[in-house]
Amino acid sequence: MPTNTILPGLGDQLPKQSVTEFGLGLASAQVNTEAFLSTERVVTQASPFGFAVAGRSPQSPGTLVQTAIPDNPQPTNGGLPIPETPLGKLRVLNGSVHARWDEKLGPCISPLATARTSLAGLEVLSALPAEVPLPSKSLVSVPDTFEANSQVRLVDLPGSKNKAVESTSTMRAVSVEIAGGIKIDVATPPTLTATATGDEKTSKITYTAPVLRVSQNGKELGTLDAAHPTLDIPLLLDLVVIKLQIAGLNEKKASFTGNGFSGFQLGATARMLDVQLLPTDKLKLPNLPTALAQISLGEQIVRAAAPQGGVICGTTQPPQTQQPGGGAAPPQQKTPLAHTNAAYQSIPLFWTGTGLLLAGVVLVAALPVRGRSRVRAPGVSEP
């Protein structure tokens, strides 16, 4: 369906979006030192599921959430409610979230923001139409643990006392099984990292593409890696085809200016594995969806932004004042860069790191027909 926008004529230029999307096992870690509410500076979430209708995504019930300020010395762990849906079936789903904030140093603390979801016993599209001639009515299943991790932290900036902003998404998986006796062993799981230093020359996206070994009924079919990102497997002559695809790395970078400072921001998306049933690219017909159904396993999204020169961590010495009658006043105690009190906690504008706006997310998503790239607002992490 068309993408709605308040800007006249822009909707015609944007790619079309799915009518409905559904995801399982979402992990999101966000840090925004410019958040209006102090409790929203660090937000970590582990969601059992997420869904979007016409691009709008409400908060799903049963989500595990931890926010800061105030600080949370320990993470929150627990089982997540398992959704019942014809699109996917789960046996085990767990989550963990941890949001930190130091009263004196703000986000200059480790760990800062982490989120994790782990699932096992996943079956996707277990209610395929009878007209689809597959040996199994479950298109994708994950018999072993499939884990998603999101992390946001400050790291050392080479040649400087300041810090860079790093947003990382990692996956851990053993194997994936697909209808038709297809098995995919994960030899190397993917890692996606965005590092913002405040300077375009030193900010970077780092991606370790997955390495997946594909076999069918014990016979090796090939390897999916950065050099060989796609593999078509016919199941019924050439009529029923399953297309496997990895990576799909997309990057975006831009400078920014606002709130009295400037810096650099960047982001990227990638997917560990796309499984398309009955892809339509060979039909050469207009206005068709990408495939009858598409499932994405291990979709990763990272964003990071930092002010020029990086983030300053530490305390500052206030200037000396003159005593009545001359002479300098006794030196005062060092004032922390992040001031706090019981009513409201704020960071002074002179703290250079207030330009920090970043989000890291990874999700294990099962998506119906999807023929477009997602567009998300900065500072928002998933779905």
Protein backbone atom coordinates (compact mmCIF):
# COMPACT_ATOMS: atom_id res chain seq x y z
CA MET A 1 0.00 0.00 0.00
CA PRO A 2 1.20 3.62 -0.53
CA THR A 3 3.27 5.27 2.20
CA ASN A 4 1.33 8.10 3.85
CA THR A 5 3.04 11.42 4.54
CA ILE A 6 1.97 14.93 5.55
CA LEU A 7 4.13 16.43 2.80
CA PRO A 8 2.20 16.93 -0.47
CA GLY A 9 3.37 14.67 -3.27
CA LEU A 10 6.08 12.93 -1.25
CA GLY A 11 4.02 9.77 -0.80
CA ASP A 12 4.24 9.10 -4.55
CA GLN A 13 8.04 9.16 -4.38
CA LEU A 14 8.38 6.80 -1.41
CA PRO A 15 8.34 2.99 -1.85
CA LYS A 16 5.15 1.11 -1.06
CA GLN A 17 4.89 -0.65 2.30
CA SER A 18 3.37 -3.85 3.55
CA VAL A 19 -0.24 -3.78 4.71
CA THR A 20 0.69 -5.85 7.76
CA GLU A 21 3.95 -6.94 9.37
CA PHE A 22 4.48 -9.25 12.33
CA GLY A 23 7.65 -9.95 14.31
CA LEU A 24 8.74 -12.29 17.11
CA GLY A 25 11.52 -11.75 19.67
CA LEU A 26 12.44 -8.06 19.47
CA ALA A 27 15.38 -6.58 21.42
CA SER A 28 15.91 -2.82 21.51
CA ALA A 29 18.49 -0.64 23.30
CA GLN A 30 18.29 3.17 23.01
CA VAL A 31 20.22 6.07 24.50
CA ASN A 32 19.27 9.71 23.92
CA THR A 33 20.87 12.30 26.22
CA GLU A 34 18.61 14.98 24.69
CA ALA A 35 15.38 13.18 25.65
CA PHE A 36 12.75 15.57 27.05
CA LEU A 37 11.94 13.24 29.96
CA SER A 38 14.83 12.13 32.16
CA THR A 39 13.35 8.64 32.39
CA GLU A 40 13.69 8.27 28.62
CA ARG A 41 17.42 8.91 28.37
CA VAL A 42 18.12 5.17 28.36
CA VAL A 43 15.38 2.75 27.28
CA THR A 44 15.86 -1.00 26.88
CA GLN A 45 13.09 -3.35 25.75
CA ALA A 46 12.60 -7.06 25.09
CA SER A 47 9.29 -7.72 23.35
CA PRO A 48 7.63 -11.09 22.74
CA PHE A 49 6.19 -9.80 19.49
CA GLY A 50 5.55 -6.68 17.50
CA PHE A 51 3.25 -5.79 14.66
CA ALA A 52 2.65 -2.93 12.29
CA VAL A 53 -0.47 -2.05 10.32
CA ALA A 54 0.04 0.45 7.50
CA GLY A 55 3.35 1.44 9.06
CA ARG A 56 1.95 2.12 12.55
CA SER A 57 3.30 0.01 15.39
CA PRO A 58 1.74 0.13 18.89
CA GLN A 59 3.53 -1.15 21.99
CA SER A 60 2.94 -4.89 22.37
CA PRO A 61 1.72 -6.25 25.74
CA GLY A 62 4.05 -8.32 27.87
CA THR A 63 7.14 -6.28 26.95
CA LEU A 64 10.07 -6.30 29.38
CA VAL A 65 11.25 -2.69 29.89
CA GLN A 66 13.95 -0.97 31.94
CA THR A 67 14.60 2.80 31.80
CA ALA A 68 17.08 5.26 33.30
CA ILE A 69 17.21 7.75 35.05
CA PRO A 70 17.44 6.48 37.84
CA ASP A 71 20.22 3.92 37.54
CA ASN A 72 19.54 0.17 37.57
CA PRO A 73 22.43 -1.75 39.13
CA GLN A 74 20.96 -5.07 38.02
CA PRO A 75 19.25 -6.15 34.78
CA THR A 76 15.65 -7.33 34.61
CA ASN A 77 15.27 -10.90 33.37
CA GLY A 78 12.24 -13.05 32.75
CA GLY A 79 10.14 -15.14 30.45
CA LEU A 80 8.03 -13.37 27.88
CA PRO A 81 4.42 -14.33 27.10
CA ILE A 82 4.22 -16.48 24.01
CA PRO A 83 1.79 -15.08 21.42
CA GLU A 84 -0.67 -17.39 19.72
CA THR A 85 -0.89 -16.68 16.01
CA PRO A 86 -1.26 -18.72 12.80
CA LEU A 87 1.87 -16.99 11.49
CA GLY A 88 4.21 -18.42 14.10
CA LYS A 89 4.39 -20.82 17.05
CA LEU A 90 6.83 -20.67 19.95
CA ARG A 91 7.72 -22.94 22.86
CA VAL A 92 10.25 -20.81 24.79
CA LEU A 93 10.82 -17.03 24.78
CA ASN A 94 13.00 -15.17 27.29
CA GLY A 95 14.22 -11.60 27.63
CA SER A 96 16.74 -9.46 29.51
CA VAL A 97 17.06 -5.65 29.69
CA HIS A 98 19.53 -3.36 31.45
CA ALA A 99 19.49 0.47 31.44
CA ARG A 100 22.23 2.39 33.31
CA TRP A 101 22.93 6.05 34.17
CA ASP A 102 25.58 7.47 36.49
CA GLU A 103 24.47 10.40 38.67
CA LYS A 104 27.78 12.21 38.14
CA LEU A 105 28.92 11.07 34.70
CA GLY A 106 25.63 10.43 32.93
CA PRO A 107 26.06 7.83 30.15
CA CYS A 108 29.80 7.45 30.84
CA ILE A 109 29.20 4.11 32.51
CA SER A 110 29.58 0.48 31.48
CA PRO A 111 27.40 -1.33 30.69
CA LEU A 112 25.15 1.47 29.44
CA ALA A 113 22.23 -0.07 27.53
CA THR A 114 21.75 -3.76 26.68
CA ALA A 115 18.76 -5.85 25.59
CA ARG A 116 18.44 -9.51 24.69
CA THR A 117 15.78 -11.94 23.53
CA SER A 118 16.19 -15.68 23.05
CA LEU A 119 13.69 -18.07 21.53
CA ALA A 120 13.53 -21.76 20.72
CA GLY A 121 11.00 -24.05 19.15
CA LEU A 122 9.93 -21.48 16.54
CA GLU A 123 7.68 -22.45 13.63
CA VAL A 124 6.84 -19.76 11.06
CA LEU A 125 3.92 -19.95 8.64
CA SER A 126 2.69 -23.20 10.14
CA ALA A 127 -0.71 -22.67 8.49
CA LEU A 128 0.14 -22.41 4.80
CA PRO A 129 -2.71 -22.70 2.30
CA ALA A 130 -3.44 -26.20 1.04
CA GLU A 131 -2.77 -24.99 -2.52
CA VAL A 132 0.94 -24.58 -1.72
CA PRO A 133 2.44 -28.01 -2.53
CA LEU A 134 5.09 -28.29 0.19
CA PRO A 135 6.10 -31.47 2.03
CA SER A 136 5.67 -29.60 5.31
CA LYS A 137 3.07 -27.00 6.30
CA SER A 138 5.66 -25.08 8.34
CA LEU A 139 7.84 -22.99 6.04
CA VAL A 140 10.56 -22.15 8.60
CA SER A 141 11.40 -23.70 11.98
CA VAL A 142 14.15 -23.02 14.51
CA PRO A 143 14.70 -26.10 16.71
CA ASP A 144 17.60 -24.61 18.70
CA THR A 145 18.15 -21.32 20.54
CA PHE A 146 18.06 -18.17 18.44
CA GLU A 147 19.36 -15.17 20.37
CA ALA A 148 19.33 -11.45 19.56
CA ASN A 149 21.44 -8.88 21.40
CA SER A 150 21.49 -5.06 21.26
CA GLN A 151 24.08 -2.90 22.98
CA VAL A 152 24.86 0.81 23.17
CA ARG A 153 28.05 2.01 24.84
CA LEU A 154 30.77 4.68 24.82
CA VAL A 155 34.20 3.53 23.60
CA ASP A 156 37.65 5.10 23.52
CA LEU A 157 38.28 7.60 20.74
CA PRO A 158 41.81 7.08 19.33
CA GLY A 159 44.07 10.06 19.90
CA SER A 160 41.62 11.77 22.26
CA LYS A 161 40.45 11.68 25.86
CA ASN A 162 36.87 11.81 24.62
CA LYS A 163 34.57 8.93 23.73
CA ALA A 164 32.88 7.62 20.60
CA VAL A 165 29.34 6.23 20.47
CA GLU A 166 29.01 2.57 19.51
CA SER A 167 25.75 0.76 18.72
CA THR A 168 26.04 -3.00 18.14
CA SER A 169 23.63 -5.74 17.08
CA THR A 170 24.69 -9.38 17.36
CA MET A 171 23.03 -12.72 16.70
CA ARG A 172 23.55 -16.25 18.00
CA ALA A 173 21.99 -19.16 16.16
CA VAL A 174 22.72 -22.83 15.54
CA SER A 175 20.52 -23.95 12.68
CA VAL A 176 17.34 -23.20 10.74
CA GLU A 177 15.11 -25.78 9.03
CA ILE A 178 12.97 -25.04 5.98
CA ALA A 179 10.19 -27.00 4.33
CA GLY A 180 11.38 -29.49 1.76
CA GLY A 181 14.10 -31.04 3.94
CA ILE A 182 16.34 -27.93 3.76
CA LYS A 183 18.67 -27.31 6.68
CA ILE A 184 20.78 -24.19 7.23
CA ASP A 185 23.68 -24.42 9.68
CA VAL A 186 25.00 -21.09 10.99
CA ALA A 187 28.79 -21.33 10.76
CA THR A 188 29.37 -17.61 11.51
CA PRO A 189 26.65 -15.43 13.05
CA PRO A 190 26.37 -11.79 11.92
CA THR A 191 27.48 -8.67 13.82
CA LEU A 192 26.52 -5.13 12.83
CA THR A 193 28.12 -2.07 14.49
CA ALA A 194 27.77 1.69 14.01
CA THR A 195 30.53 3.85 15.55
CA ALA A 196 30.05 7.63 15.62
CA THR A 197 33.01 9.85 16.52
CA GLY A 198 31.46 13.17 15.51
CA ASP A 199 33.62 13.22 12.35
CA GLU A 200 32.66 11.67 9.02
CA LYS A 201 36.25 10.55 8.34
CA THR A 202 36.48 8.37 11.44
CA SER A 203 32.84 7.30 11.90
CA LYS A 204 32.16 3.88 10.41
CA ILE A 205 29.82 0.94 9.88
CA THR A 206 31.34 -2.48 10.57
CA TYR A 207 29.54 -5.61 9.37
CA THR A 208 30.49 -9.25 9.75
CA ALA A 209 28.27 -11.06 7.25
CA PRO A 210 26.90 -14.46 8.25
CA VAL A 211 28.23 -17.70 6.80
CA LEU A 212 25.43 -20.24 6.31
CA ARG A 213 25.85 -23.82 5.03
CA VAL A 214 22.79 -25.11 3.16
CA SER A 215 21.90 -28.77 2.69
CA GLN A 216 18.82 -30.73 1.60
CA ASN A 217 18.11 -34.21 2.92
CA GLY A 218 21.79 -34.57 3.87
CA LYS A 219 23.12 -33.34 0.50
CA GLU A 220 25.12 -30.10 0.55
CA LEU A 221 23.66 -27.43 -1.74
CA GLY A 222 26.05 -24.54 -1.14
CA THR A 223 27.19 -21.81 1.20
CA LEU A 224 25.67 -18.38 1.71
CA ASP A 225 28.23 -15.69 2.53
CA ALA A 226 29.25 -12.18 1.48
CA ALA A 227 30.56 -13.47 -1.87
CA HIS A 228 27.49 -15.68 -2.53
CA PRO A 229 24.48 -13.89 -0.97
CA THR A 230 21.62 -15.74 -2.75
CA LEU A 231 20.56 -19.31 -3.45
CA ASP A 232 17.42 -20.54 -5.26
CA ILE A 233 16.13 -24.01 -4.36
CA PRO A 234 13.37 -25.54 -6.55
CA LEU A 235 10.96 -27.76 -4.62
CA LEU A 236 8.47 -28.67 -7.37
CA LEU A 237 9.98 -28.44 -10.84
CA ASP A 238 10.42 -24.70 -11.36
CA LEU A 239 6.98 -23.76 -10.07
CA VAL A 240 7.61 -23.76 -6.35
CA VAL A 241 10.91 -22.09 -5.48
CA ILE A 242 12.41 -21.01 -2.19
CA LYS A 243 14.91 -18.17 -2.42
CA LEU A 244 17.49 -17.77 0.36
CA GLN A 245 19.30 -14.46 0.73
CA ILE A 246 21.61 -12.96 3.36
CA ALA A 247 22.94 -9.53 4.30
CA GLY A 248 21.02 -6.87 2.37
CA LEU A 249 23.24 -4.27 4.08
CA ASN A 250 22.02 -0.69 3.71
CA GLU A 251 23.92 2.31 5.12
CA LYS A 252 23.03 5.96 5.67
CA LYS A 253 25.28 8.79 6.88
CA ALA A 254 24.70 12.49 7.43
CA SER A 255 26.00 15.52 9.34
CA PHE A 256 23.69 17.29 11.78
CA THR A 257 23.47 20.65 13.53
CA GLY A 258 21.18 21.60 16.39
CA ASN A 259 20.90 22.63 20.04
CA GLY A 260 24.08 24.67 19.80
CA PHE A 261 26.37 21.88 18.55
CA SER A 262 27.02 19.85 15.42
CA GLY A 263 28.22 16.35 14.72
CA PHE A 264 27.84 13.26 12.56
CA GLN A 265 25.30 10.43 12.52
CA LEU A 266 25.12 7.11 10.70
CA GLY A 267 23.06 3.95 10.62
CA ALA A 268 22.68 0.61 8.88
CA THR A 269 20.31 -2.33 8.48
CA ALA A 270 21.01 -5.96 7.60
CA ARG A 271 19.33 -9.38 7.77
CA MET A 272 20.88 -12.72 8.59
CA LEU A 273 18.51 -14.66 6.34
CA ASP A 274 15.58 -13.90 4.05
CA VAL A 275 13.39 -16.84 3.03
CA GLN A 276 11.06 -16.09 0.11
CA LEU A 277 8.37 -18.53 -0.98
CA LEU A 278 7.40 -18.29 -4.67
CA PRO A 279 9.50 -15.19 -5.57
CA THR A 280 7.92 -13.15 -8.35
CA ASP A 281 11.02 -11.52 -9.87
CA LYS A 282 11.05 -13.93 -12.83
CA LEU A 283 7.43 -13.27 -13.80
CA LYS A 284 8.24 -9.78 -15.14
CA LEU A 285 4.77 -8.50 -14.24
CA PRO A 286 4.14 -5.04 -12.74
CA ASN A 287 2.71 -4.34 -9.27
CA LEU A 288 3.46 -7.77 -7.84
CA PRO A 289 4.75 -8.31 -4.30
CA THR A 290 8.28 -9.62 -3.85
CA ALA A 291 6.99 -13.13 -3.03
CA LEU A 292 3.94 -14.99 -1.80
CA ALA A 293 5.51 -14.86 1.66
CA GLN A 294 8.79 -13.60 3.08
CA ILE A 295 10.33 -14.42 6.44
CA SER A 296 13.34 -12.49 7.74
CA LEU A 297 15.42 -14.08 10.50
CA GLY A 298 17.82 -11.86 12.40
CA GLU A 299 17.00 -8.40 11.11
CA GLN A 300 19.48 -5.92 12.57
CA ILE A 301 19.29 -2.14 12.81
CA VAL A 302 21.92 0.18 14.34
CA ARG A 303 22.17 3.96 14.61
CA ALA A 304 24.74 6.20 16.31
CA ALA A 305 25.42 9.93 16.52
CA ALA A 306 28.02 12.00 18.36
CA PRO A 307 29.04 15.67 18.55
CA GLN A 308 32.22 16.96 16.94
CA GLY A 309 35.23 15.94 18.97
CA GLY A 310 33.37 13.05 20.60
CA VAL A 311 31.67 12.74 23.96
CA ILE A 312 33.40 14.33 26.98
CA CYS A 313 33.42 12.26 30.16
CA GLY A 314 34.60 13.62 33.50
CA THR A 315 34.04 16.60 35.77
CA THR A 316 34.75 20.30 35.35
CA GLN A 317 36.24 22.86 37.70
CA PRO A 318 34.02 25.97 38.06
CA PRO A 319 35.81 29.34 37.74
CA GLN A 320 37.08 31.04 40.88
CA THR A 321 35.16 34.01 42.20
CA GLN A 322 36.48 37.17 43.86
CA GLN A 323 35.99 37.66 47.58
CA PRO A 324 34.68 41.01 48.80
CA GLY A 325 37.67 43.29 49.20
CA GLY A 326 39.80 41.44 46.69
CA GLY A 327 41.50 38.10 46.57
CA ALA A 328 40.33 34.82 45.22
CA ALA A 329 37.72 32.74 46.97
CA PRO A 330 38.72 29.29 48.21
CA PRO A 331 38.52 26.68 45.46
CA GLN A 332 35.19 24.92 45.27
CA GLN A 333 34.58 21.24 44.90
CA LYS A 334 34.46 19.87 41.39
CA THR A 335 31.00 19.95 39.92
CA PRO A 336 29.79 16.81 38.13
CA LEU A 337 28.88 17.30 34.50
CA ALA A 338 25.51 15.63 35.01
CA HIS A 339 23.54 17.46 37.71
CA THR A 340 20.75 15.58 39.49
CA ASN A 341 18.10 16.23 42.10
CA ALA A 342 14.94 14.58 43.37
CA ALA A 343 12.58 16.53 41.13
CA TYR A 344 14.39 16.68 37.80
CA GLN A 345 17.73 15.48 36.47
CA SER A 346 19.45 17.34 33.69
CA ILE A 347 22.79 17.66 31.92
CA PRO A 348 24.27 21.15 31.43
CA LEU A 349 24.57 22.33 27.85
CA PHE A 350 28.36 22.67 28.18
CA TRP A 351 28.60 18.90 28.45
CA THR A 352 29.65 18.25 24.86
CA GLY A 353 28.19 14.79 24.84
CA THR A 354 24.64 16.07 24.89
CA GLY A 355 24.63 15.56 21.15
CA LEU A 356 24.41 11.85 21.68
CA LEU A 357 21.46 10.33 19.85
CA LEU A 358 21.64 6.66 19.11
CA ALA A 359 19.79 3.40 19.06
CA GLY A 360 20.73 -0.22 18.59
CA VAL A 361 18.26 -2.92 17.84
CA VAL A 362 18.08 -6.41 16.58
CA LEU A 363 14.97 -8.44 16.02
CA VAL A 364 13.99 -11.89 14.89
CA ALA A 365 11.16 -11.06 12.53
CA ALA A 366 8.63 -13.08 10.62
CA LEU A 367 7.27 -10.78 7.98
CA PRO A 368 4.43 -11.40 5.52
CA VAL A 369 4.81 -10.05 2.00
CA ARG A 370 7.26 -7.18 2.12
CA GLY A 371 8.25 -5.27 -0.99
CA ARG A 372 9.88 -2.21 0.44
CA SER A 373 12.63 -1.02 2.74
CA ARG A 374 11.65 0.15 6.18
CA VAL A 375 12.00 3.78 7.07
CA ARG A 376 12.15 4.64 10.74
CA ALA A 377 12.45 7.85 12.63
CA PRO A 378 15.83 8.63 14.23
CA GLY A 379 16.07 7.63 17.84
CA VAL A 380 13.33 4.99 17.47
CA SER A 381 14.24 1.39 17.65
CA GLU A 382 11.91 -1.20 16.57
CA PRO A 383 9.98 -2.55 15.09
